[in-house]
């Protein structure tokens, strides 16, 4: 009997994928074409590493912190919980510890949490704002064993933030980050996650092909 089907959470890399405003968009060109008499079609890409679904490396926010080769693969593979922010939660307000205690299933903090804010480039446009954790809530999650925090939004911090407190609270204390997930059609609940970052040395982020399949029990 086949196992549960895989659900793709990745936002494809395409010329139409909205980048962070002012960042390098994705483009794909050809250096060889069969139609021009070459033996193969050979493509090349130019892109910011933050277009589409990706993992932020600690280097993204601090020059002395590890680059993308330091992303721990086991943080991106294993049981996870998808959590949805209620539509009634005001966007300008941070999500605090009290809200997480109310929304999380069970009493334990999962090792991997994917958070559906409802504000995503998967809808075809770059959102003006989105819900984020408070720095206190991020620290609380990490202290409870969180290894990975993933979001459908373009960032785990506010769009206009310059201090990036959630990035620092997570990446500075051994947890990792996924951004630009497509969680629109995935119900909240327990899943098995497979989202290893691409092996790129010395970079501040790495593209990810993220998939989940339903899990019979929460992590």
N, C-alpha and C. Protein backbone atom coordinates (compact mmCIF):
# COMPACT_ATOMS: atom_id res chain seq x y z
N UNK A 1 0.84 -1.20 0.00
CA UNK A 1 0.00 0.00 0.00
C UNK A 1 0.88 1.25 0.00
N UNK A 2 0.59 2.23 -0.88
CA UNK A 2 1.37 3.47 -0.87
C UNK A 2 1.13 4.26 0.41
N UNK A 3 2.13 5.01 0.83
CA UNK A 3 2.00 5.84 2.02
C UNK A 3 1.22 7.11 1.73
N UNK A 4 1.06 7.97 2.73
CA UNK A 4 0.35 9.24 2.52
C UNK A 4 1.03 10.08 1.45
N UNK A 5 0.22 10.80 0.69
CA UNK A 5 0.78 11.59 -0.41
C UNK A 5 1.61 12.75 0.12
N UNK A 6 2.61 13.14 -0.67
CA UNK A 6 3.42 14.30 -0.34
C UNK A 6 2.71 15.57 -0.75
N UNK A 7 2.78 16.58 0.10
CA UNK A 7 2.18 17.89 -0.17
C UNK A 7 3.31 18.90 -0.32
N UNK A 8 3.38 19.54 -1.47
CA UNK A 8 4.45 20.49 -1.75
C UNK A 8 4.13 21.83 -1.11
N UNK A 9 5.04 22.31 -0.28
CA UNK A 9 4.88 23.60 0.38
C UNK A 9 5.75 24.68 -0.25
N UNK A 10 6.37 24.37 -1.38
CA UNK A 10 7.36 25.26 -1.97
C UNK A 10 6.72 26.26 -2.92
N UNK A 11 7.22 27.48 -2.89
CA UNK A 11 6.87 28.49 -3.88
C UNK A 11 7.88 28.38 -5.01
N UNK A 12 7.43 28.11 -6.23
CA UNK A 12 8.38 27.89 -7.33
C UNK A 12 9.22 29.13 -7.61
N UNK A 13 10.45 28.88 -8.03
CA UNK A 13 11.31 29.96 -8.50
C UNK A 13 10.93 30.27 -9.95
N UNK A 14 10.47 31.49 -10.18
CA UNK A 14 10.05 31.90 -11.52
C UNK A 14 10.21 33.41 -11.64
N UNK A 15 10.21 33.89 -12.87
CA UNK A 15 10.32 35.33 -13.09
C UNK A 15 9.17 36.09 -12.46
N UNK A 16 8.05 35.39 -12.23
CA UNK A 16 6.87 36.02 -11.64
C UNK A 16 6.83 35.93 -10.13
N UNK A 17 7.79 35.23 -9.51
CA UNK A 17 7.82 35.11 -8.05
C UNK A 17 8.25 36.43 -7.43
N UNK A 18 7.41 37.06 -6.61
CA UNK A 18 7.79 38.37 -6.06
C UNK A 18 9.01 38.29 -5.15
N UNK A 19 10.07 39.06 -5.43
CA UNK A 19 11.20 39.14 -4.51
C UNK A 19 10.91 40.17 -3.42
N UNK A 20 11.76 40.20 -2.40
CA UNK A 20 11.70 41.31 -1.44
C UNK A 20 11.93 42.59 -2.23
N UNK A 21 11.12 43.63 -2.00
CA UNK A 21 11.27 44.87 -2.78
C UNK A 21 12.70 45.39 -2.79
N UNK A 22 13.26 45.56 -3.99
CA UNK A 22 14.62 46.03 -4.14
C UNK A 22 15.65 44.93 -4.24
N UNK A 23 15.27 43.68 -3.95
CA UNK A 23 16.21 42.57 -4.03
C UNK A 23 16.28 42.04 -5.47
N UNK A 24 17.26 41.19 -5.75
CA UNK A 24 17.45 40.64 -7.09
C UNK A 24 16.37 39.61 -7.40
N UNK A 25 15.57 39.80 -8.42
CA UNK A 25 14.54 38.82 -8.77
C UNK A 25 15.14 37.58 -9.42
N UNK A 26 14.34 36.54 -9.53
CA UNK A 26 14.78 35.32 -10.20
C UNK A 26 14.67 35.50 -11.71
N UNK A 27 15.71 35.06 -12.42
CA UNK A 27 15.66 35.00 -13.88
C UNK A 27 16.43 33.78 -14.35
N UNK A 28 16.00 33.20 -15.45
CA UNK A 28 16.63 32.02 -16.02
C UNK A 28 16.95 32.31 -17.48
N UNK A 29 18.20 32.08 -17.88
CA UNK A 29 18.60 32.30 -19.26
C UNK A 29 19.27 31.07 -19.83
N UNK A 30 19.64 31.15 -21.09
CA UNK A 30 20.24 30.02 -21.78
C UNK A 30 21.62 30.38 -22.30
N UNK A 31 22.61 29.54 -22.01
CA UNK A 31 23.94 29.71 -22.58
C UNK A 31 24.14 28.80 -23.79
N UNK A 32 23.35 27.73 -23.90
CA UNK A 32 23.37 26.85 -25.06
C UNK A 32 21.94 26.43 -25.39
N UNK A 33 21.63 26.37 -26.70
CA UNK A 33 20.31 25.92 -27.14
C UNK A 33 20.46 24.92 -28.28
N UNK A 34 19.66 23.87 -28.23
CA UNK A 34 19.65 22.90 -29.32
C UNK A 34 19.29 23.56 -30.64
N UNK A 35 18.38 24.54 -30.58
CA UNK A 35 17.94 25.21 -31.80
C UNK A 35 19.07 26.00 -32.47
N UNK A 36 20.09 26.31 -31.70
CA UNK A 36 21.25 27.04 -32.24
C UNK A 36 22.37 26.11 -32.69
N UNK A 37 22.09 24.82 -32.69
CA UNK A 37 23.07 23.86 -33.15
C UNK A 37 23.91 23.23 -32.07
N UNK A 38 23.66 23.56 -30.79
CA UNK A 38 24.43 22.98 -29.69
C UNK A 38 23.93 21.56 -29.39
N UNK A 39 24.75 20.79 -28.70
CA UNK A 39 24.40 19.40 -28.40
C UNK A 39 23.38 19.28 -27.28
N UNK A 40 23.29 20.32 -26.43
CA UNK A 40 22.37 20.29 -25.28
C UNK A 40 21.75 21.67 -25.08
N UNK A 41 20.65 21.71 -24.34
CA UNK A 41 20.15 22.96 -23.77
C UNK A 41 20.82 23.15 -22.41
N UNK A 42 21.38 24.33 -22.17
CA UNK A 42 22.12 24.59 -20.94
C UNK A 42 21.69 25.94 -20.36
N UNK A 43 21.12 25.88 -19.15
CA UNK A 43 20.57 27.09 -18.55
C UNK A 43 21.42 27.63 -17.42
N UNK A 44 21.17 28.89 -17.08
CA UNK A 44 21.82 29.53 -15.94
C UNK A 44 20.80 30.43 -15.27
N UNK A 45 20.97 30.64 -13.96
CA UNK A 45 20.01 31.45 -13.23
C UNK A 45 20.72 32.58 -12.48
N UNK A 46 19.98 33.67 -12.29
CA UNK A 46 20.40 34.78 -11.43
C UNK A 46 19.28 35.04 -10.45
N UNK A 47 19.60 35.10 -9.17
CA UNK A 47 18.54 35.30 -8.18
C UNK A 47 19.12 35.65 -6.82
N UNK A 48 18.37 36.39 -6.04
CA UNK A 48 18.62 36.45 -4.61
C UNK A 48 18.29 35.10 -4.01
N UNK A 49 19.01 34.69 -3.00
CA UNK A 49 18.73 33.42 -2.34
C UNK A 49 17.48 33.49 -1.47
N UNK A 50 16.86 34.67 -1.39
CA UNK A 50 15.66 34.84 -0.57
C UNK A 50 14.38 34.89 -1.41
N UNK A 51 14.50 34.61 -2.70
CA UNK A 51 13.30 34.48 -3.55
C UNK A 51 12.76 33.07 -3.40
N UNK A 52 11.46 32.93 -3.28
CA UNK A 52 10.87 31.60 -3.13
C UNK A 52 11.16 31.02 -1.75
N UNK A 53 10.87 29.74 -1.60
CA UNK A 53 11.04 29.06 -0.32
C UNK A 53 12.52 28.86 -0.02
N UNK A 54 12.94 29.26 1.18
CA UNK A 54 14.36 29.21 1.50
C UNK A 54 14.59 29.13 3.01
N UNK A 55 15.80 28.73 3.37
CA UNK A 55 16.25 28.72 4.76
C UNK A 55 17.24 29.85 4.96
N UNK A 56 17.02 30.67 5.98
CA UNK A 56 17.99 31.69 6.34
C UNK A 56 19.14 31.08 7.12
N UNK A 57 20.37 31.42 6.76
CA UNK A 57 21.53 31.04 7.57
C UNK A 57 21.78 32.11 8.63
N UNK A 58 22.40 31.76 9.75
CA UNK A 58 22.73 32.78 10.75
C UNK A 58 23.53 33.95 10.18
N UNK A 59 24.36 33.69 9.17
CA UNK A 59 25.13 34.74 8.53
C UNK A 59 24.26 35.86 7.97
N UNK A 60 23.00 35.56 7.71
CA UNK A 60 22.09 36.56 7.14
C UNK A 60 21.96 37.79 8.04
N UNK A 61 22.06 37.59 9.35
CA UNK A 61 21.84 38.70 10.27
C UNK A 61 23.07 39.12 11.07
N UNK A 62 24.12 38.27 11.07
CA UNK A 62 25.35 38.61 11.79
C UNK A 62 26.54 38.10 10.99
N UNK A 63 27.47 38.98 10.66
CA UNK A 63 28.59 38.61 9.79
C UNK A 63 29.47 37.51 10.37
N UNK A 64 29.56 37.41 11.68
CA UNK A 64 30.41 36.39 12.28
C UNK A 64 29.73 35.06 12.52
N UNK A 65 28.46 34.95 12.17
CA UNK A 65 27.71 33.72 12.43
C UNK A 65 27.83 32.75 11.26
N UNK A 66 27.47 31.44 11.45
CA UNK A 66 27.67 30.43 10.41
C UNK A 66 26.90 30.72 9.11
N UNK A 67 27.52 30.32 8.00
CA UNK A 67 26.90 30.45 6.68
C UNK A 67 26.02 29.23 6.40
N UNK A 68 25.53 29.15 5.17
CA UNK A 68 24.52 28.15 4.85
C UNK A 68 25.01 26.71 4.98
N UNK A 69 26.33 26.48 4.87
CA UNK A 69 26.80 25.11 5.07
C UNK A 69 26.66 24.67 6.53
N UNK A 70 26.38 25.62 7.43
CA UNK A 70 26.17 25.30 8.83
C UNK A 70 24.73 25.00 9.20
N UNK A 71 23.84 25.01 8.22
CA UNK A 71 22.44 24.67 8.48
C UNK A 71 22.33 23.19 8.81
N UNK A 72 21.77 22.86 9.96
CA UNK A 72 21.71 21.47 10.43
C UNK A 72 20.58 20.73 9.73
N UNK A 73 20.90 19.72 8.93
CA UNK A 73 19.89 19.03 8.14
C UNK A 73 18.80 18.41 9.00
N UNK A 74 19.17 17.89 10.19
CA UNK A 74 18.16 17.22 11.00
C UNK A 74 17.09 18.17 11.52
N UNK A 75 17.37 19.48 11.53
CA UNK A 75 16.34 20.44 11.93
C UNK A 75 15.25 20.56 10.87
N UNK A 76 15.56 20.24 9.62
CA UNK A 76 14.64 20.43 8.51
C UNK A 76 13.94 19.15 8.07
N UNK A 77 14.19 18.06 8.78
CA UNK A 77 13.60 16.76 8.43
C UNK A 77 13.06 16.11 9.70
N UNK A 78 11.77 15.75 9.68
CA UNK A 78 11.18 15.07 10.82
C UNK A 78 9.78 15.56 11.12
N UNK A 79 9.21 15.08 12.22
CA UNK A 79 7.85 15.48 12.59
C UNK A 79 7.74 16.99 12.80
N UNK A 80 6.61 17.55 12.38
CA UNK A 80 6.36 18.98 12.57
C UNK A 80 4.88 19.19 12.84
N UNK A 81 4.55 20.39 13.24
CA UNK A 81 3.16 20.81 13.41
C UNK A 81 2.93 22.07 12.59
N UNK A 82 1.86 22.08 11.82
CA UNK A 82 1.44 23.30 11.12
C UNK A 82 0.40 24.00 11.98
N UNK A 83 0.65 25.26 12.26
CA UNK A 83 -0.18 26.08 13.13
C UNK A 83 -0.71 27.26 12.33
N UNK A 84 -1.98 27.56 12.47
CA UNK A 84 -2.58 28.68 11.72
C UNK A 84 -2.89 29.84 12.65
N UNK A 85 -2.48 31.03 12.24
CA UNK A 85 -2.84 32.23 12.98
C UNK A 85 -4.31 32.53 12.74
N UNK A 86 -5.13 32.67 13.78
CA UNK A 86 -6.54 32.99 13.55
C UNK A 86 -6.71 34.28 12.75
N UNK A 87 -7.69 34.29 11.85
CA UNK A 87 -7.92 35.48 11.04
C UNK A 87 -8.28 36.70 11.89
N UNK A 88 -8.76 36.45 13.11
CA UNK A 88 -9.14 37.55 13.99
C UNK A 88 -7.94 38.22 14.66
N UNK A 89 -6.76 37.61 14.56
CA UNK A 89 -5.59 38.20 15.22
C UNK A 89 -5.16 39.45 14.46
N UNK A 90 -5.05 40.60 15.12
CA UNK A 90 -4.67 41.84 14.43
C UNK A 90 -3.26 41.75 13.87
N UNK A 91 -3.11 42.09 12.59
CA UNK A 91 -1.81 41.97 11.93
C UNK A 91 -0.72 42.80 12.61
N UNK A 92 -0.98 44.04 13.05
CA UNK A 92 0.12 44.81 13.64
C UNK A 92 0.60 44.27 14.99
N UNK A 93 -0.15 43.36 15.60
CA UNK A 93 0.21 42.88 16.93
C UNK A 93 1.07 41.62 16.85
N UNK A 94 2.15 41.60 17.66
CA UNK A 94 2.98 40.41 17.73
C UNK A 94 2.21 39.24 18.34
N UNK A 95 2.62 38.04 17.97
CA UNK A 95 2.09 36.83 18.58
C UNK A 95 2.95 36.52 19.80
N UNK A 96 2.33 36.52 20.98
CA UNK A 96 3.06 36.33 22.22
C UNK A 96 2.95 34.93 22.77
N UNK A 97 3.57 34.73 23.93
CA UNK A 97 3.57 33.42 24.56
C UNK A 97 2.15 32.97 24.90
N UNK A 98 1.31 33.88 25.37
CA UNK A 98 -0.06 33.51 25.74
C UNK A 98 -0.83 32.97 24.55
N UNK A 99 -0.68 33.63 23.40
CA UNK A 99 -1.37 33.16 22.20
C UNK A 99 -0.86 31.78 21.78
N UNK A 100 0.45 31.59 21.83
CA UNK A 100 1.00 30.29 21.43
C UNK A 100 0.51 29.18 22.37
N UNK A 101 0.47 29.46 23.65
CA UNK A 101 -0.04 28.45 24.60
C UNK A 101 -1.48 28.08 24.26
N UNK A 102 -2.26 29.05 23.82
CA UNK A 102 -3.66 28.80 23.49
C UNK A 102 -3.80 28.04 22.17
N UNK A 103 -2.96 28.35 21.19
CA UNK A 103 -3.12 27.78 19.84
C UNK A 103 -2.43 26.45 19.66
N UNK A 104 -1.36 26.18 20.43
CA UNK A 104 -0.61 24.96 20.23
C UNK A 104 -1.39 23.74 20.71
N UNK A 105 -1.38 22.66 19.92
CA UNK A 105 -2.00 21.42 20.39
C UNK A 105 -1.13 20.75 21.43
N UNK A 106 -1.72 20.28 22.52
CA UNK A 106 -0.94 19.62 23.56
C UNK A 106 -0.16 20.61 24.40
N UNK A 107 0.64 20.08 25.30
CA UNK A 107 1.38 20.94 26.24
C UNK A 107 2.85 21.11 25.86
N UNK A 108 3.36 20.23 25.00
CA UNK A 108 4.78 20.28 24.63
C UNK A 108 4.98 21.17 23.41
N UNK A 109 6.13 21.82 23.35
CA UNK A 109 6.50 22.61 22.18
C UNK A 109 7.10 21.67 21.13
N UNK A 110 6.54 21.62 19.92
CA UNK A 110 7.10 20.74 18.89
C UNK A 110 8.51 21.19 18.50
N UNK A 111 9.29 20.27 17.98
CA UNK A 111 10.64 20.61 17.53
C UNK A 111 10.59 21.47 16.27
N UNK A 112 9.55 21.26 15.46
CA UNK A 112 9.42 21.99 14.19
C UNK A 112 8.00 22.54 14.09
N UNK A 113 7.91 23.85 13.92
CA UNK A 113 6.61 24.52 13.82
C UNK A 113 6.56 25.31 12.53
N UNK A 114 5.51 25.11 11.74
CA UNK A 114 5.27 25.89 10.54
C UNK A 114 4.03 26.74 10.78
N UNK A 115 4.15 28.05 10.59
CA UNK A 115 3.13 29.00 11.00
C UNK A 115 2.48 29.65 9.78
N UNK A 116 1.19 29.43 9.63
CA UNK A 116 0.45 30.03 8.51
C UNK A 116 -0.13 31.38 8.95
N UNK A 117 0.47 32.45 8.42
CA UNK A 117 -0.03 33.79 8.74
C UNK A 117 -1.17 34.21 7.83
N UNK A 118 -1.21 33.64 6.62
CA UNK A 118 -2.20 34.05 5.63
C UNK A 118 -1.72 35.19 4.74
N UNK A 119 -0.45 35.59 4.91
CA UNK A 119 0.12 36.69 4.11
C UNK A 119 1.36 36.15 3.40
N UNK A 120 1.25 35.91 2.11
CA UNK A 120 2.28 35.16 1.40
C UNK A 120 2.44 35.65 -0.03
N UNK A 121 3.66 35.54 -0.56
CA UNK A 121 3.88 35.85 -1.98
C UNK A 121 3.27 34.79 -2.87
N UNK A 122 2.83 33.68 -2.29
CA UNK A 122 2.15 32.65 -3.09
C UNK A 122 0.89 33.19 -3.74
N UNK A 123 0.35 34.27 -3.21
CA UNK A 123 -0.85 34.89 -3.80
C UNK A 123 -0.50 35.79 -4.98
N UNK A 124 0.79 35.95 -5.31
CA UNK A 124 1.20 36.68 -6.50
C UNK A 124 1.68 38.09 -6.27
N UNK A 125 1.60 38.57 -5.02
CA UNK A 125 2.05 39.93 -4.71
C UNK A 125 2.78 39.92 -3.37
N UNK A 126 3.68 40.89 -3.18
CA UNK A 126 4.41 40.98 -1.93
C UNK A 126 3.51 41.65 -0.89
N UNK A 127 3.24 40.99 0.25
CA UNK A 127 2.31 41.55 1.23
C UNK A 127 2.86 42.79 1.93
N UNK A 128 1.96 43.66 2.35
CA UNK A 128 2.36 44.90 3.01
C UNK A 128 2.80 44.65 4.45
N UNK A 129 2.28 43.61 5.09
CA UNK A 129 2.60 43.31 6.48
C UNK A 129 2.14 41.90 6.77
N UNK A 130 2.51 41.38 7.94
CA UNK A 130 2.13 40.02 8.32
C UNK A 130 2.36 39.84 9.81
N UNK A 131 1.65 38.90 10.44
CA UNK A 131 1.88 38.63 11.86
C UNK A 131 3.25 37.99 12.08
N UNK A 132 3.89 38.34 13.18
CA UNK A 132 5.17 37.73 13.55
C UNK A 132 5.18 37.43 15.04
N UNK A 133 6.12 36.58 15.44
CA UNK A 133 6.33 36.34 16.86
C UNK A 133 6.87 37.58 17.55
N UNK A 134 6.63 37.68 18.83
CA UNK A 134 7.41 38.62 19.64
C UNK A 134 8.76 37.96 19.92
N UNK A 135 9.76 38.76 20.22
CA UNK A 135 11.07 38.20 20.57
C UNK A 135 10.95 37.30 21.79
N UNK A 136 10.09 37.69 22.74
CA UNK A 136 9.89 36.88 23.94
C UNK A 136 9.31 35.51 23.58
N UNK A 137 8.35 35.49 22.64
CA UNK A 137 7.75 34.22 22.24
C UNK A 137 8.75 33.34 21.50
N UNK A 138 9.59 33.95 20.67
CA UNK A 138 10.62 33.19 19.97
C UNK A 138 11.58 32.55 20.97
N UNK A 139 12.00 33.32 21.98
CA UNK A 139 12.91 32.79 23.00
C UNK A 139 12.24 31.68 23.80
N UNK A 140 10.95 31.84 24.08
CA UNK A 140 10.19 30.81 24.81
C UNK A 140 10.14 29.51 24.01
N UNK A 141 9.92 29.60 22.71
CA UNK A 141 9.87 28.40 21.87
C UNK A 141 11.23 27.69 21.87
N UNK A 142 12.30 28.47 21.71
CA UNK A 142 13.63 27.86 21.67
C UNK A 142 13.97 27.21 23.01
N UNK A 143 13.62 27.88 24.10
CA UNK A 143 13.91 27.31 25.42
C UNK A 143 13.13 26.02 25.66
N UNK A 144 12.01 25.85 24.94
CA UNK A 144 11.20 24.64 25.06
C UNK A 144 11.57 23.55 24.08
N UNK A 145 12.63 23.77 23.28
CA UNK A 145 13.11 22.72 22.39
C UNK A 145 12.86 22.93 20.91
N UNK A 146 12.34 24.09 20.53
CA UNK A 146 12.10 24.34 19.10
C UNK A 146 13.42 24.33 18.33
N UNK A 147 13.42 23.63 17.19
CA UNK A 147 14.59 23.59 16.31
C UNK A 147 14.35 24.35 15.00
N UNK A 148 13.09 24.46 14.59
CA UNK A 148 12.78 25.07 13.30
C UNK A 148 11.48 25.84 13.39
N UNK A 149 11.52 27.11 12.93
CA UNK A 149 10.32 27.95 12.83
C UNK A 149 10.16 28.31 11.36
N UNK A 150 9.06 27.87 10.76
CA UNK A 150 8.79 28.17 9.36
C UNK A 150 7.55 29.01 9.21
N UNK A 151 7.55 29.90 8.21
CA UNK A 151 6.41 30.79 7.98
C UNK A 151 6.09 30.85 6.50
N UNK A 152 4.83 31.17 6.20
CA UNK A 152 4.44 31.42 4.81
C UNK A 152 4.77 32.84 4.39
N UNK A 153 5.03 33.72 5.34
CA UNK A 153 5.35 35.12 5.06
C UNK A 153 6.77 35.24 4.51
N UNK A 154 7.13 36.39 3.94
CA UNK A 154 8.48 36.57 3.41
C UNK A 154 9.57 36.64 4.47
N UNK A 155 9.20 36.87 5.73
CA UNK A 155 10.19 36.97 6.79
C UNK A 155 9.56 36.60 8.12
N UNK A 156 10.40 36.14 9.06
CA UNK A 156 9.91 35.89 10.41
C UNK A 156 9.82 37.19 11.21
N UNK A 157 10.39 38.26 10.67
CA UNK A 157 10.27 39.59 11.29
C UNK A 157 9.36 40.47 10.46
N UNK A 158 9.02 41.61 11.02
CA UNK A 158 8.18 42.58 10.32
C UNK A 158 8.88 43.10 9.06
N UNK A 159 8.07 43.50 8.09
CA UNK A 159 8.62 44.00 6.83
C UNK A 159 9.53 45.19 7.04
N UNK A 160 9.19 46.08 7.95
CA UNK A 160 9.97 47.31 8.13
C UNK A 160 11.02 47.20 9.23
N UNK A 161 11.18 46.02 9.84
CA UNK A 161 12.12 45.88 10.95
C UNK A 161 13.56 46.02 10.47
N UNK A 162 14.35 46.75 11.22
CA UNK A 162 15.78 46.88 10.97
C UNK A 162 16.62 46.11 11.98
N UNK A 163 16.04 45.79 13.13
CA UNK A 163 16.79 45.08 14.18
C UNK A 163 16.59 43.56 14.11
N UNK A 164 15.52 43.10 13.45
CA UNK A 164 15.26 41.68 13.22
C UNK A 164 15.33 40.86 14.51
N UNK A 165 14.52 41.20 15.51
CA UNK A 165 14.62 40.52 16.80
C UNK A 165 14.28 39.03 16.76
N UNK A 166 13.36 38.63 15.89
CA UNK A 166 12.99 37.21 15.84
C UNK A 166 14.11 36.40 15.18
N UNK A 167 14.69 36.93 14.10
CA UNK A 167 15.85 36.27 13.50
C UNK A 167 16.94 36.03 14.56
N UNK A 168 17.24 37.06 15.33
CA UNK A 168 18.31 36.93 16.33
C UNK A 168 17.93 35.96 17.45
N UNK A 169 16.66 36.00 17.88
CA UNK A 169 16.23 35.12 18.97
C UNK A 169 16.28 33.65 18.54
N UNK A 170 16.03 33.37 17.27
CA UNK A 170 16.05 31.99 16.78
C UNK A 170 17.47 31.59 16.35
N UNK A 171 18.03 32.29 15.38
CA UNK A 171 19.32 31.91 14.82
C UNK A 171 20.46 32.05 15.82
N UNK A 172 20.32 32.96 16.76
CA UNK A 172 21.36 33.15 17.77
C UNK A 172 21.34 32.13 18.89
N UNK A 173 20.32 31.25 18.87
CA UNK A 173 20.20 30.27 19.97
C UNK A 173 19.95 28.86 19.45
N UNK A 174 20.45 28.58 18.24
CA UNK A 174 20.46 27.20 17.76
C UNK A 174 19.23 26.74 17.01
N UNK A 175 18.26 27.61 16.77
CA UNK A 175 17.09 27.24 15.98
C UNK A 175 17.25 27.77 14.55
N UNK A 176 16.47 27.24 13.63
CA UNK A 176 16.60 27.60 12.23
C UNK A 176 15.29 28.13 11.68
N UNK A 177 15.35 28.66 10.45
CA UNK A 177 14.23 29.42 9.89
C UNK A 177 13.94 28.98 8.47
N UNK A 178 12.65 28.78 8.17
CA UNK A 178 12.15 28.63 6.81
C UNK A 178 11.22 29.80 6.51
N UNK A 179 11.35 30.37 5.32
CA UNK A 179 10.49 31.48 4.92
C UNK A 179 9.89 31.23 3.54
N UNK A 180 8.79 31.90 3.26
CA UNK A 180 8.11 31.79 1.97
C UNK A 180 7.60 30.37 1.70
N UNK A 181 7.01 29.76 2.69
CA UNK A 181 6.31 28.50 2.48
C UNK A 181 4.93 28.76 1.87
N UNK A 182 4.40 27.78 1.18
CA UNK A 182 3.03 27.88 0.66
C UNK A 182 2.14 26.97 1.51
N UNK A 183 1.45 27.57 2.47
CA UNK A 183 0.62 26.81 3.42
C UNK A 183 -0.87 27.05 3.19
N UNK A 184 -1.23 27.58 2.03
CA UNK A 184 -2.61 27.99 1.79
C UNK A 184 -3.62 26.85 1.89
N UNK A 185 -3.26 25.67 1.40
CA UNK A 185 -4.23 24.59 1.28
C UNK A 185 -3.96 23.44 2.25
N UNK A 186 -3.10 23.69 3.24
CA UNK A 186 -2.72 22.61 4.16
C UNK A 186 -3.39 22.84 5.51
N UNK A 187 -4.27 21.93 5.95
CA UNK A 187 -4.92 22.10 7.26
C UNK A 187 -3.91 22.05 8.40
N UNK A 188 -4.17 22.78 9.48
CA UNK A 188 -3.30 22.66 10.65
C UNK A 188 -3.28 21.23 11.19
N UNK A 189 -2.16 20.88 11.82
CA UNK A 189 -2.06 19.55 12.40
C UNK A 189 -0.67 18.98 12.29
N UNK A 190 -0.52 17.69 12.64
CA UNK A 190 0.80 17.05 12.63
C UNK A 190 1.16 16.52 11.24
N UNK A 191 2.42 16.68 10.87
CA UNK A 191 2.92 16.22 9.58
C UNK A 191 4.35 15.72 9.75
N UNK A 192 4.84 15.05 8.72
CA UNK A 192 6.26 14.76 8.60
C UNK A 192 6.83 15.70 7.55
N UNK A 193 7.91 16.39 7.91
CA UNK A 193 8.50 17.42 7.05
C UNK A 193 9.79 16.92 6.41
N UNK A 194 9.95 17.23 5.13
CA UNK A 194 11.21 16.99 4.43
C UNK A 194 11.55 18.28 3.69
N UNK A 195 12.53 19.04 4.21
CA UNK A 195 12.85 20.36 3.66
C UNK A 195 14.33 20.69 3.77
N UNK A 196 15.22 19.80 3.29
CA UNK A 196 16.66 20.09 3.42
C UNK A 196 17.08 21.25 2.54
N UNK A 197 17.88 22.17 3.06
CA UNK A 197 18.39 23.29 2.26
C UNK A 197 19.40 22.79 1.23
N UNK A 198 19.46 23.48 0.11
CA UNK A 198 20.46 23.19 -0.91
C UNK A 198 21.86 23.45 -0.34
N UNK A 199 22.82 22.59 -0.71
CA UNK A 199 24.18 22.72 -0.19
C UNK A 199 24.92 23.84 -0.94
N UNK A 200 24.98 25.00 -0.32
CA UNK A 200 25.70 26.15 -0.89
C UNK A 200 26.68 26.64 0.19
N UNK A 201 27.93 26.74 -0.16
CA UNK A 201 28.95 27.14 0.81
C UNK A 201 29.10 28.66 0.85
N UNK A 202 29.12 29.21 2.07
CA UNK A 202 29.43 30.61 2.27
C UNK A 202 28.30 31.58 2.02
N UNK A 203 27.07 31.09 1.89
CA UNK A 203 25.94 31.95 1.56
C UNK A 203 25.13 32.31 2.80
N UNK A 204 24.27 33.32 2.67
CA UNK A 204 23.44 33.77 3.78
C UNK A 204 22.07 33.09 3.79
N UNK A 205 21.78 32.26 2.78
CA UNK A 205 20.51 31.55 2.72
C UNK A 205 20.65 30.43 1.70
N UNK A 206 19.68 29.52 1.66
CA UNK A 206 19.72 28.42 0.71
C UNK A 206 18.30 28.07 0.27
N UNK A 207 18.09 27.88 -1.04
CA UNK A 207 16.77 27.44 -1.52
C UNK A 207 16.39 26.09 -0.94
N UNK A 208 15.07 25.87 -0.80
CA UNK A 208 14.54 24.66 -0.19
C UNK A 208 13.36 24.15 -1.02
N UNK A 209 13.28 22.86 -1.22
CA UNK A 209 12.07 22.22 -1.73
C UNK A 209 11.41 21.55 -0.52
N UNK A 210 10.36 22.15 -0.01
CA UNK A 210 9.73 21.69 1.23
C UNK A 210 8.47 20.89 0.93
N UNK A 211 8.40 19.68 1.48
CA UNK A 211 7.20 18.86 1.36
C UNK A 211 6.85 18.29 2.72
N UNK A 212 5.56 18.00 2.90
CA UNK A 212 5.08 17.32 4.10
C UNK A 212 4.15 16.18 3.69
N UNK A 213 3.96 15.26 4.62
CA UNK A 213 2.92 14.26 4.48
C UNK A 213 2.24 14.12 5.84
N UNK A 214 0.94 13.83 5.85
CA UNK A 214 0.24 13.73 7.14
C UNK A 214 0.87 12.70 8.04
N UNK A 215 0.93 13.04 9.31
CA UNK A 215 1.52 12.16 10.32
C UNK A 215 0.40 11.67 11.23
N UNK A 216 0.47 10.41 11.68
CA UNK A 216 -0.59 9.89 12.53
C UNK A 216 -0.62 10.50 13.92
N UNK A 217 0.49 11.15 14.33
CA UNK A 217 0.53 11.72 15.67
C UNK A 217 1.38 12.97 15.67
N UNK A 218 1.11 13.87 16.59
CA UNK A 218 1.90 15.09 16.72
C UNK A 218 3.27 14.76 17.29
N UNK A 219 4.30 15.58 16.90
CA UNK A 219 5.63 15.36 17.47
C UNK A 219 5.67 15.69 18.94
